[in-house]
C-alpha atoms as a PDB file:
ATOM      1  CA  MET A   1       0.000   0.000   0.000  1.00  0.00           C
ATOM      2  CA  ARG A   2       1.480   3.303  -1.077  1.00  0.00           C
ATOM      3  CA  ARG A   3       1.352   5.952   1.619  1.00  0.00           C
ATOM      4  CA  LEU A   4       0.013   9.391   0.748  1.00  0.00           C
ATOM      5  CA  ILE A   5       3.372  10.890   1.653  1.00  0.00           C
ATOM      6  CA  ASN A   6       4.987   8.950  -1.213  1.00  0.00           C
ATOM      7  CA  GLN A   7       2.350   9.669  -3.870  1.00  0.00           C
ATOM      8  CA  ARG A   8       3.691  12.452  -6.095  1.00  0.00           C
ATOM      9  CA  PRO A   9       1.502  14.003  -8.814  1.00  0.00           C
ATOM     10  CA  ALA A  10       2.632  13.900 -12.439  1.00  0.00           C
ATOM     11  CA  ARG A  11       3.496  17.204 -14.103  1.00  0.00           C
ATOM     12  CA  GLY A  12       0.062  17.617 -15.707  1.00  0.00           C
ATOM     13  CA  GLU A  13      -1.734  16.620 -12.534  1.00  0.00           C
ATOM     14  CA  GLY A  14       0.411  18.983 -10.494  1.00  0.00           C
ATOM     15  CA  PHE A  15      -0.410  21.868 -12.817  1.00  0.00           C
ATOM     16  CA  ALA A  16      -4.123  21.065 -12.631  1.00  0.00           C
ATOM     17  CA  LEU A  17      -4.045  20.901  -8.840  1.00  0.00           C
ATOM     18  CA  GLY A  18      -2.204  24.220  -8.667  1.00  0.00           C
ATOM     19  CA  ALA A  19      -4.700  25.897 -11.006  1.00  0.00           C
ATOM     20  CA  LEU A  20      -7.772  24.490  -9.266  1.00  0.00           C
ATOM     21  CA  PRO A  21      -7.902  26.989  -6.340  1.00  0.00           C
ATOM     22  CA  PHE A  22      -7.578  29.939  -8.751  1.00  0.00           C
ATOM     23  CA  VAL A  23     -10.364  28.620 -10.962  1.00  0.00           C
ATOM     24  CA  ALA A  24     -12.539  28.059  -7.898  1.00  0.00           C
ATOM     25  CA  LEU A  25     -11.962  31.627  -6.701  1.00  0.00           C
ATOM     26  CA  LEU A  26     -12.838  33.018 -10.136  1.00  0.00           C
ATOM     27  CA  VAL A  27     -16.044  30.980 -10.269  1.00  0.00           C
ATOM     28  CA  VAL A  28     -17.049  32.140  -6.793  1.00  0.00           C
ATOM     29  CA  TYR A  29     -16.338  35.761  -7.744  1.00  0.00           C
ATOM     30  CA  VAL A  30     -18.332  35.567 -10.999  1.00  0.00           C
ATOM     31  CA  ILE A  31     -21.333  34.035  -9.232  1.00  0.00           C
ATOM     32  CA  ALA A  32     -21.220  36.557  -6.370  1.00  0.00           C
ATOM     33  CA  SER A  33     -20.815  39.468  -8.800  1.00  0.00           C
ATOM     34  CA  LYS A  34     -23.768  38.379 -10.922  1.00  0.00           C
ATOM     35  CA  LEU A  35     -25.968  37.966  -7.850  1.00  0.00           C
ATOM     36  CA  ARG A  36     -25.122  41.425  -6.512  1.00  0.00           C
ATOM     37  CA  LEU A  37     -25.485  43.123  -9.903  1.00  0.00           C
ATOM     38  CA  ALA A  38     -28.803  41.379 -10.499  1.00  0.00           C
ATOM     39  CA  GLU A  39     -30.057  42.802  -7.229  1.00  0.00           C
ATOM     40  CA  ASN A  40     -28.531  46.245  -7.784  1.00  0.00           C
ATOM     41  CA  GLY A  41     -27.130  47.176 -11.181  1.00  0.00           C
ATOM     42  CA  ALA A  42     -25.214  50.107  -9.661  1.00  0.00           C
ATOM     43  CA  ASP A  43     -23.406  47.958  -7.121  1.00  0.00           C
ATOM     44  CA  LYS A  44     -19.665  48.777  -6.970  1.00  0.00           C
ATOM     45  CA  LEU A  45     -18.404  46.175  -4.526  1.00  0.00           C
ATOM     46  CA  LEU A  46     -18.073  43.280  -6.993  1.00  0.00           C
ATOM     47  CA  PRO A  47     -17.806  44.763 -10.507  1.00  0.00           C
ATOM     48  CA  SER A  48     -18.163  42.564 -13.561  1.00  0.00           C
ATOM     49  CA  PHE A  49     -15.158  41.571 -15.634  1.00  0.00           C
ATOM     50  CA  GLY A  50     -16.534  43.774 -18.417  1.00  0.00           C
ATOM     51  CA  SER A  51     -16.443  46.906 -16.266  1.00  0.00           C
ATOM     52  CA  MET A  52     -12.944  46.037 -15.034  1.00  0.00           C
ATOM     53  CA  ALA A  53     -11.792  45.556 -18.629  1.00  0.00           C
ATOM     54  CA  GLN A  54     -13.231  48.952 -19.528  1.00  0.00           C
ATOM     55  CA  ALA A  55     -11.498  50.596 -16.573  1.00  0.00           C
ATOM     56  CA  PHE A  56      -8.216  48.924 -17.539  1.00  0.00           C
ATOM     57  CA  SER A  57      -8.626  50.236 -21.086  1.00  0.00           C
ATOM     58  CA  ASP A  58      -9.261  53.752 -19.786  1.00  0.00           C
ATOM     59  CA  TYR A  59      -6.101  53.737 -17.661  1.00  0.00           C
ATOM     60  CA  ALA A  60      -3.728  51.619 -19.757  1.00  0.00           C
ATOM     61  CA  LEU A  61      -4.752  52.204 -23.369  1.00  0.00           C
ATOM     62  CA  THR A  62      -6.144  55.734 -23.289  1.00  0.00           C
ATOM     63  CA  ALA A  63      -3.989  58.789 -22.634  1.00  0.00           C
ATOM     64  CA  ASP A  64      -5.052  60.975 -19.734  1.00  0.00           C
ATOM     65  CA  PRO A  65      -6.519  64.202 -21.220  1.00  0.00           C
ATOM     66  CA  ARG A  66      -4.826  66.418 -18.620  1.00  0.00           C
ATOM     67  CA  SER A  67      -1.319  64.931 -18.513  1.00  0.00           C
ATOM     68  CA  GLY A  68      -1.204  63.118 -21.835  1.00  0.00           C
ATOM     69  CA  ARG A  69       0.214  60.026 -20.082  1.00  0.00           C
ATOM     70  CA  TYR A  70      -1.057  56.486 -19.884  1.00  0.00           C
ATOM     71  CA  LEU A  71      -1.691  56.418 -16.143  1.00  0.00           C
ATOM     72  CA  PHE A  72      -1.503  52.657 -15.652  1.00  0.00           C
ATOM     73  CA  TRP A  73       1.965  52.386 -17.186  1.00  0.00           C
ATOM     74  CA  ALA A  74       3.183  55.601 -15.559  1.00  0.00           C
ATOM     75  CA  ASP A  75       2.103  54.258 -12.167  1.00  0.00           C
ATOM     76  CA  THR A  76       3.743  50.902 -12.894  1.00  0.00           C
ATOM     77  CA  TRP A  77       7.063  52.491 -13.857  1.00  0.00           C
ATOM     78  CA  ALA A  78       7.070  54.756 -10.793  1.00  0.00           C
ATOM     79  CA  SER A  79       6.468  51.832  -8.415  1.00  0.00           C
ATOM     80  CA  LEU A  80       8.941  49.502 -10.128  1.00  0.00           C
ATOM     81  CA  ARG A  81      11.605  52.193 -10.074  1.00  0.00           C
ATOM     82  CA  ARG A  82      11.192  52.705  -6.346  1.00  0.00           C
ATOM     83  CA  ILE A  83      11.000  49.072  -5.324  1.00  0.00           C
ATOM     84  CA  GLY A  84      13.816  48.052  -7.690  1.00  0.00           C
ATOM     85  CA  LEU A  85      16.184  50.627  -6.203  1.00  0.00           C
ATOM     86  CA  ALA A  86      15.182  49.685  -2.656  1.00  0.00           C
ATOM     87  CA  LEU A  87      15.684  45.953  -3.265  1.00  0.00           C
ATOM     88  CA  ALA A  88      19.077  46.494  -4.898  1.00  0.00           C
ATOM     89  CA  LEU A  89      20.320  48.673  -2.029  1.00  0.00           C
ATOM     90  CA  SER A  90      18.861  46.354   0.614  1.00  0.00           C
ATOM     91  CA  ALA A  91      20.484  43.292  -0.956  1.00  0.00           C
ATOM     92  CA  SER A  92      23.891  44.975  -1.265  1.00  0.00           C
ATOM     93  CA  LEU A  93      23.937  46.477   2.216  1.00  0.00           C
ATOM     94  CA  SER A  94      22.566  43.385   3.943  1.00  0.00           C
ATOM     95  CA  LEU A  95      25.200  41.225   2.245  1.00  0.00           C
ATOM     96  CA  VAL A  96      28.030  43.515   3.362  1.00  0.00           C
ATOM     97  CA  ILE A  97      26.695  43.737   6.931  1.00  0.00           C
ATOM     98  CA  ALA A  98      26.145  39.985   7.200  1.00  0.00           C
ATOM     99  CA  LEU A  99      29.631  39.165   5.910  1.00  0.00           C
ATOM    100  CA  ALA A 100      31.190  41.634   8.342  1.00  0.00           C
ATOM    101  CA  ILE A 101      29.211  40.190  11.252  1.00  0.00           C
ATOM    102  CA  GLY A 102      29.948  36.632  10.235  1.00  0.00           C
ATOM    103  CA  ALA A 103      33.657  37.078   9.596  1.00  0.00           C
ATOM    104  CA  ILE A 104      34.833  39.450  12.325  1.00  0.00           C
ATOM    105  CA  PRO A 105      33.884  38.713  15.962  1.00  0.00           C
ATOM    106  CA  ARG A 106      34.413  42.326  17.079  1.00  0.00           C
ATOM    107  CA  VAL A 107      32.056  43.577  14.372  1.00  0.00           C
ATOM    108  CA  ARG A 108      29.582  40.900  15.443  1.00  0.00           C
ATOM    109  CA  ALA A 109      29.738  42.132  19.034  1.00  0.00           C
ATOM    110  CA  LEU A 110      29.339  45.718  17.837  1.00  0.00           C
ATOM    111  CA  LEU A 111      26.514  45.381  15.321  1.00  0.00           C
ATOM    112  CA  SER A 112      24.481  42.299  16.245  1.00  0.00           C
ATOM    113  CA  PRO A 113      22.603  43.891  19.196  1.00  0.00           C
ATOM    114  CA  LEU A 114      21.831  47.011  17.140  1.00  0.00           C
ATOM    115  CA  LEU A 115      20.665  44.961  14.165  1.00  0.00           C
ATOM    116  CA  SER A 116      18.427  42.801  16.341  1.00  0.00           C
ATOM    117  CA  THR A 117      16.902  45.903  17.940  1.00  0.00           C
ATOM    118  CA  VAL A 118      16.309  47.739  14.649  1.00  0.00           C
ATOM    119  CA  ALA A 119      14.647  44.626  13.205  1.00  0.00           C
ATOM    120  CA  MET A 120      12.003  44.859  15.959  1.00  0.00           C
ATOM    121  CA  ILE A 121      10.972  48.450  15.113  1.00  0.00           C
ATOM    122  CA  PRO A 122       7.681  48.523  13.143  1.00  0.00           C
ATOM    123  CA  PRO A 123       8.754  50.100   9.834  1.00  0.00           C
ATOM    124  CA  LEU A 124       5.422  51.847   9.260  1.00  0.00           C
ATOM    125  CA  ALA A 125       5.895  53.660  12.567  1.00  0.00           C
ATOM    126  CA  MET A 126       8.992  55.225  11.013  1.00  0.00           C
ATOM    127  CA  LEU A 127       7.088  56.626   8.037  1.00  0.00           C
ATOM    128  CA  PRO A 128       6.135  59.992   9.615  1.00  0.00           C
ATOM    129  CA  ILE A 129       9.719  60.431  10.817  1.00  0.00           C
ATOM    130  CA  LEU A 130      11.077  59.712   7.345  1.00  0.00           C
ATOM    131  CA  PHE A 131       8.707  62.216   5.755  1.00  0.00           C
ATOM    132  CA  ILE A 132       9.691  64.869   8.290  1.00  0.00           C
ATOM    133  CA  VAL A 133      13.439  64.267   7.989  1.00  0.00           C
ATOM    134  CA  LEU A 134      13.757  63.351   4.306  1.00  0.00           C
ATOM    135  CA  GLY A 135      10.742  65.144   2.835  1.00  0.00           C
ATOM    136  CA  LEU A 136       7.992  63.739   0.656  1.00  0.00           C
ATOM    137  CA  GLU A 137      10.120  62.864  -2.354  1.00  0.00           C
ATOM    138  CA  GLU A 138      11.541  59.526  -3.515  1.00  0.00           C
ATOM    139  CA  THR A 139      14.209  59.223  -0.810  1.00  0.00           C
ATOM    140  CA  ALA A 140      11.680  58.719   1.984  1.00  0.00           C
ATOM    141  CA  LYS A 141       9.726  56.063   0.074  1.00  0.00           C
ATOM    142  CA  VAL A 142      12.825  54.072  -0.850  1.00  0.00           C
ATOM    143  CA  SER A 143      14.184  54.446   2.686  1.00  0.00           C
ATOM    144  CA  LEU A 144      11.014  52.982   4.192  1.00  0.00           C
ATOM    145  CA  ILE A 145      11.385  49.815   2.123  1.00  0.00           C
ATOM    146  CA  ILE A 146      15.065  49.533   3.046  1.00  0.00           C
ATOM    147  CA  ILE A 147      14.359  50.023   6.753  1.00  0.00           C
ATOM    148  CA  GLY A 148      11.590  47.454   6.520  1.00  0.00           C
ATOM    149  CA  ILE A 149      13.530  44.596   4.921  1.00  0.00           C
ATOM    150  CA  LEU A 150      17.275  45.241   5.324  1.00  0.00           C
ATOM    151  CA  PRO A 151      17.569  44.251   9.029  1.00  0.00           C
ATOM    152  CA  LEU A 152      15.658  41.019   8.428  1.00  0.00           C
ATOM    153  CA  MET A 153      17.728  40.151   5.371  1.00  0.00           C
ATOM    154  CA  ALA A 154      20.998  40.928   7.148  1.00  0.00           C
ATOM    155  CA  ARG A 155      20.039  38.756  10.136  1.00  0.00           C
ATOM    156  CA  ASP A 156      18.980  35.926   7.827  1.00  0.00           C
ATOM    157  CA  LEU A 157      22.284  36.033   5.930  1.00  0.00           C
ATOM    158  CA  ALA A 158      24.285  36.279   9.148  1.00  0.00           C
ATOM    159  CA  LEU A 159      22.558  33.123  10.400  1.00  0.00           C
ATOM    160  CA  ARG A 160      23.492  31.384   7.161  1.00  0.00           C
ATOM    161  CA  ILE A 161      27.132  32.304   7.687  1.00  0.00           C
ATOM    162  CA  ALA A 162      26.963  31.109  11.294  1.00  0.00           C
ATOM    163  CA  GLU A 163      25.697  27.730  10.021  1.00  0.00           C
ATOM    164  CA  LEU A 164      28.774  27.138   7.867  1.00  0.00           C
ATOM    165  CA  PRO A 165      30.726  24.080   9.073  1.00  0.00           C
ATOM    166  CA  GLU A 166      33.591  25.045  11.343  1.00  0.00           C
ATOM    167  CA  GLU A 167      35.817  22.497   9.580  1.00  0.00           C
ATOM    168  CA  MET A 168      35.414  24.398   6.312  1.00  0.00           C
ATOM    169  CA  LEU A 169      36.782  27.600   7.843  1.00  0.00           C
ATOM    170  CA  VAL A 170      39.539  25.787   9.719  1.00  0.00           C
ATOM    171  CA  LYS A 171      40.717  23.985   6.574  1.00  0.00           C
ATOM    172  CA  ALA A 172      40.795  27.224   4.619  1.00  0.00           C
ATOM    173  CA  GLN A 173      42.898  28.882   7.315  1.00  0.00           C
ATOM    174  CA  THR A 174      45.163  25.852   7.466  1.00  0.00           C
ATOM    175  CA  LEU A 175      45.816  26.307   3.748  1.00  0.00           C
ATOM    176  CA  GLY A 176      46.823  29.901   4.427  1.00  0.00           C
ATOM    177  CA  ALA A 177      43.620  31.795   3.623  1.00  0.00           C
ATOM    178  CA  SER A 178      43.498  35.360   4.921  1.00  0.00           C
ATOM    179  CA  THR A 179      40.371  36.966   6.394  1.00  0.00           C
ATOM    180  CA  TRP A 180      39.613  38.562   3.023  1.00  0.00           C
ATOM    181  CA  GLN A 181      39.991  35.230   1.241  1.00  0.00           C
ATOM    182  CA  LEU A 182      37.751  33.525   3.791  1.00  0.00           C
ATOM    183  CA  VAL A 183      35.082  36.146   3.146  1.00  0.00           C
ATOM    184  CA  THR A 184      35.301  36.198  -0.659  1.00  0.00           C
ATOM    185  CA  ARG A 185      36.047  32.518  -1.388  1.00  0.00           C
ATOM    186  CA  VAL A 186      34.260  30.651   1.398  1.00  0.00           C
ATOM    187  CA  MET A 187      31.539  32.783   2.975  1.00  0.00           C
ATOM    188  CA  LEU A 188      30.379  34.806  -0.027  1.00  0.00           C
ATOM    189  CA  PRO A 189      29.683  31.873  -2.406  1.00  0.00           C
ATOM    190  CA  GLN A 190      27.727  30.083   0.332  1.00  0.00           C
ATOM    191  CA  THR A 191      25.734  33.238   1.143  1.00  0.00           C
ATOM    192  CA  LEU A 192      24.653  34.364  -2.335  1.00  0.00           C
ATOM    193  CA  PRO A 193      21.991  31.638  -2.829  1.00  0.00           C
ATOM    194  CA  ARG A 194      20.543  32.535   0.566  1.00  0.00           C
ATOM    195  CA  LEU A 195      20.509  36.206  -0.479  1.00  0.00           C
ATOM    196  CA  ILE A 196      18.193  35.374  -3.376  1.00  0.00           C
ATOM    197  CA  ASP A 197      15.970  33.323  -1.064  1.00  0.00           C
ATOM    198  CA  SER A 198      15.854  36.220   1.381  1.00  0.00           C
ATOM    199  CA  LEU A 199      14.843  38.631  -1.385  1.00  0.00           C
ATOM    200  CA  ARG A 200      12.037  36.292  -2.376  1.00  0.00           C
ATOM    201  CA  LEU A 201      10.794  35.979   1.196  1.00  0.00           C
ATOM    202  CA  ASN A 202      10.792  39.743   1.745  1.00  0.00           C
ATOM    203  CA  MET A 203       9.175  40.651  -1.577  1.00  0.00           C
ATOM    204  CA  GLY A 204       5.680  40.867  -0.113  1.00  0.00           C
ATOM    205  CA  SER A 205       6.834  43.122   2.717  1.00  0.00           C
ATOM    206  CA  ALA A 206       8.656  45.384   0.251  1.00  0.00           C
ATOM    207  CA  TRP A 207       5.456  45.897  -1.747  1.00  0.00           C
ATOM    208  CA  LEU A 208       3.509  46.540   1.456  1.00  0.00           C
ATOM    209  CA  PHE A 209       5.875  49.318   2.528  1.00  0.00           C
ATOM    210  CA  LEU A 210       5.935  50.797  -0.972  1.00  0.00           C
ATOM    211  CA  ILE A 211       2.143  50.983  -1.218  1.00  0.00           C
ATOM    212  CA  ALA A 212       1.911  52.503   2.257  1.00  0.00           C
ATOM    213  CA  ALA A 213       4.413  55.222   1.337  1.00  0.00           C
ATOM    214  CA  GLU A 214       2.755  55.928  -2.015  1.00  0.00           C
ATOM    215  CA  ALA A 215      -0.686  56.084  -0.419  1.00  0.00           C
ATOM    216  CA  ILE A 216       0.352  58.788   2.035  1.00  0.00           C
ATOM    217  CA  ALA A 217       2.575  61.049  -0.051  1.00  0.00           C
ATOM    218  CA  SER A 218       2.899  60.594  -3.793  1.00  0.00           C
ATOM    219  CA  THR A 219       1.576  61.857  -7.089  1.00  0.00           C
ATOM    220  CA  GLU A 220       2.033  58.620  -9.033  1.00  0.00           C
ATOM    221  CA  GLY A 221       2.459  54.929  -8.390  1.00  0.00           C
ATOM    222  CA  LEU A 222       0.283  51.859  -8.054  1.00  0.00           C
ATOM    223  CA  GLY A 223      -0.360  52.435  -4.362  1.00  0.00           C
ATOM    224  CA  TYR A 224      -1.138  56.101  -4.948  1.00  0.00           C
ATOM    225  CA  ARG A 225      -3.726  55.265  -7.624  1.00  0.00           C
ATOM    226  CA  ILE A 226      -5.445  52.633  -5.481  1.00  0.00           C
ATOM    227  CA  PHE A 227      -5.904  55.018  -2.566  1.00  0.00           C
ATOM    228  CA  LEU A 228      -6.861  57.888  -4.858  1.00  0.00           C
ATOM    229  CA  VAL A 229      -9.825  56.076  -6.444  1.00  0.00           C
ATOM    230  CA  ARG A 230     -10.988  54.384  -3.243  1.00  0.00           C
ATOM    231  CA  ARG A 231     -12.847  57.555  -2.286  1.00  0.00           C
ATOM    232  CA  TYR A 232     -15.080  56.893  -5.306  1.00  0.00           C
ATOM    233  CA  LEU A 233     -15.445  53.190  -4.406  1.00  0.00           C
ATOM    234  CA  ALA A 234     -13.950  52.418  -7.826  1.00  0.00           C
ATOM    235  CA  MET A 235     -13.464  48.695  -7.334  1.00  0.00           C
ATOM    236  CA  ASP A 236     -13.318  48.262 -11.105  1.00  0.00           C
ATOM    237  CA  VAL A 237      -9.995  50.156 -10.945  1.00  0.00           C
ATOM    238  CA  ILE A 238      -8.741  48.873  -7.611  1.00  0.00           C
ATOM    239  CA  LEU A 239      -9.101  45.158  -8.374  1.00  0.00           C
ATOM    240  CA  PRO A 240      -7.115  45.271 -11.667  1.00  0.00           C
ATOM    241  CA  TYR A 241      -4.402  47.288  -9.930  1.00  0.00           C
ATOM    242  CA  VAL A 242      -4.217  44.767  -7.082  1.00  0.00           C
ATOM    243  CA  ALA A 243      -4.094  41.904  -9.577  1.00  0.00           C
ATOM    244  CA  TRP A 244      -1.317  43.678 -11.492  1.00  0.00           C
ATOM    245  CA  ILE A 245       0.740  44.192  -8.324  1.00  0.00           C
ATOM    246  CA  THR A 246       0.326  40.497  -7.570  1.00  0.00           C
ATOM    247  CA  LEU A 247       1.462  39.543 -11.076  1.00  0.00           C
ATOM    248  CA  LEU A 248       4.517  41.801 -10.779  1.00  0.00           C
ATOM    249  CA  ALA A 249       5.460  40.279  -7.433  1.00  0.00           C
ATOM    250  CA  VAL A 250       4.925  36.716  -8.690  1.00  0.00           C
ATOM    251  CA  GLY A 251       6.917  37.457 -11.852  1.00  0.00           C
ATOM    252  CA  THR A 252       9.797  38.876  -9.829  1.00  0.00           C
ATOM    253  CA  ASP A 253       9.741  35.841  -7.560  1.00  0.00           C
ATOM    254  CA  LEU A 254       9.861  33.550 -10.601  1.00  0.00           C
ATOM    255  CA  LEU A 255      12.811  35.446 -12.091  1.00  0.00           C
ATOM    256  CA  LEU A 256      14.709  35.235  -8.798  1.00  0.00           C
ATOM    257  CA  ARG A 257      13.989  31.515  -8.565  1.00  0.00           C
ATOM    258  CA  LEU A 258      15.274  30.979 -12.109  1.00  0.00           C
ATOM    259  CA  LEU A 259      18.362  33.058 -11.349  1.00  0.00           C
ATOM    260  CA  ARG A 260      19.103  30.932  -8.300  1.00  0.00           C
ATOM    261  CA  ALA A 261      18.634  27.709 -10.245  1.00  0.00           C
ATOM    262  CA  ARG A 262      20.894  28.853 -13.091  1.00  0.00           C
ATOM    263  CA  ALA A 263      23.603  30.687 -11.157  1.00  0.00           C
ATOM    264  CA  PHE A 264      23.755  28.415  -8.104  1.00  0.00           C
ATOM    265  CA  ASN A 265      22.704  25.035  -9.407  1.00  0.00           C
ATOM    266  CA  TRP A 266      24.918  23.323  -6.810  1.00  0.00           C
ATOM    267  CA  ALA A 267      22.831  24.854  -4.002  1.00  0.00           C
ATOM    268  CA  GLU A 268      19.487  23.533  -5.248  1.00  0.00           C
ATOM    269  CA  PRO A 269      17.655  21.126  -2.876  1.00  0.00           C
ATOM    270  CA  GLY A 270      18.624  17.508  -3.426  1.00  0.00           C
ATOM    271  CA  ARG A 271      22.089  18.319  -4.759  1.00  0.00           C
END
């Protein structure tokens, strides 16, 4: 008798099982939308797919008469620019901090308590301070994302370095490796795959902080547009924007996963 734990779905079956919850959610939404619209044709809570398609066309395929821009794509570019810069800076800084903490005991004693404390500060509580100190421009928005994910990423990478086998470091030193060589040839290659994993795990939080910053002080961006139209209960605009943000986040996660598989094939599970 084959146990359930050993029964693995084939590729086609796995795809069907993965798609099933999404199909079920769509069916539930369509039914609920039709019921509400049948009762009240002006209902805005659950718009039809036709009204959402029309709203998408108005924002993505029709130029705004006042600015001459396609608002959907302008908002997308503004948000991607901010989150891309924040993720790049967070990844670079967290890697440097983690390597310093992992390689040098005095740096570990100096920075570890501070890093652990900063990681416990609610990032959204820092938003008013950032706006006061840095103003309402791009710097404050990017800084909020960095403050929100950098400490967690740095701690995660530092833990990875701490998990490296002691024999590996001892052997490298026995062969004459300097501190710099230990960092660049032993610690860094083992840490880079974990860096990609950490980026993937913090992607949702990065989008959360970005949307919060754009909602409070911005003139463009996906988060700004969502909170701008909410006063009109424009769910036909909000839902496509939320779906688009989800697709962007999922696409980024997929690209990072492919990058890890291609660049660090030796670190894949089962190898």
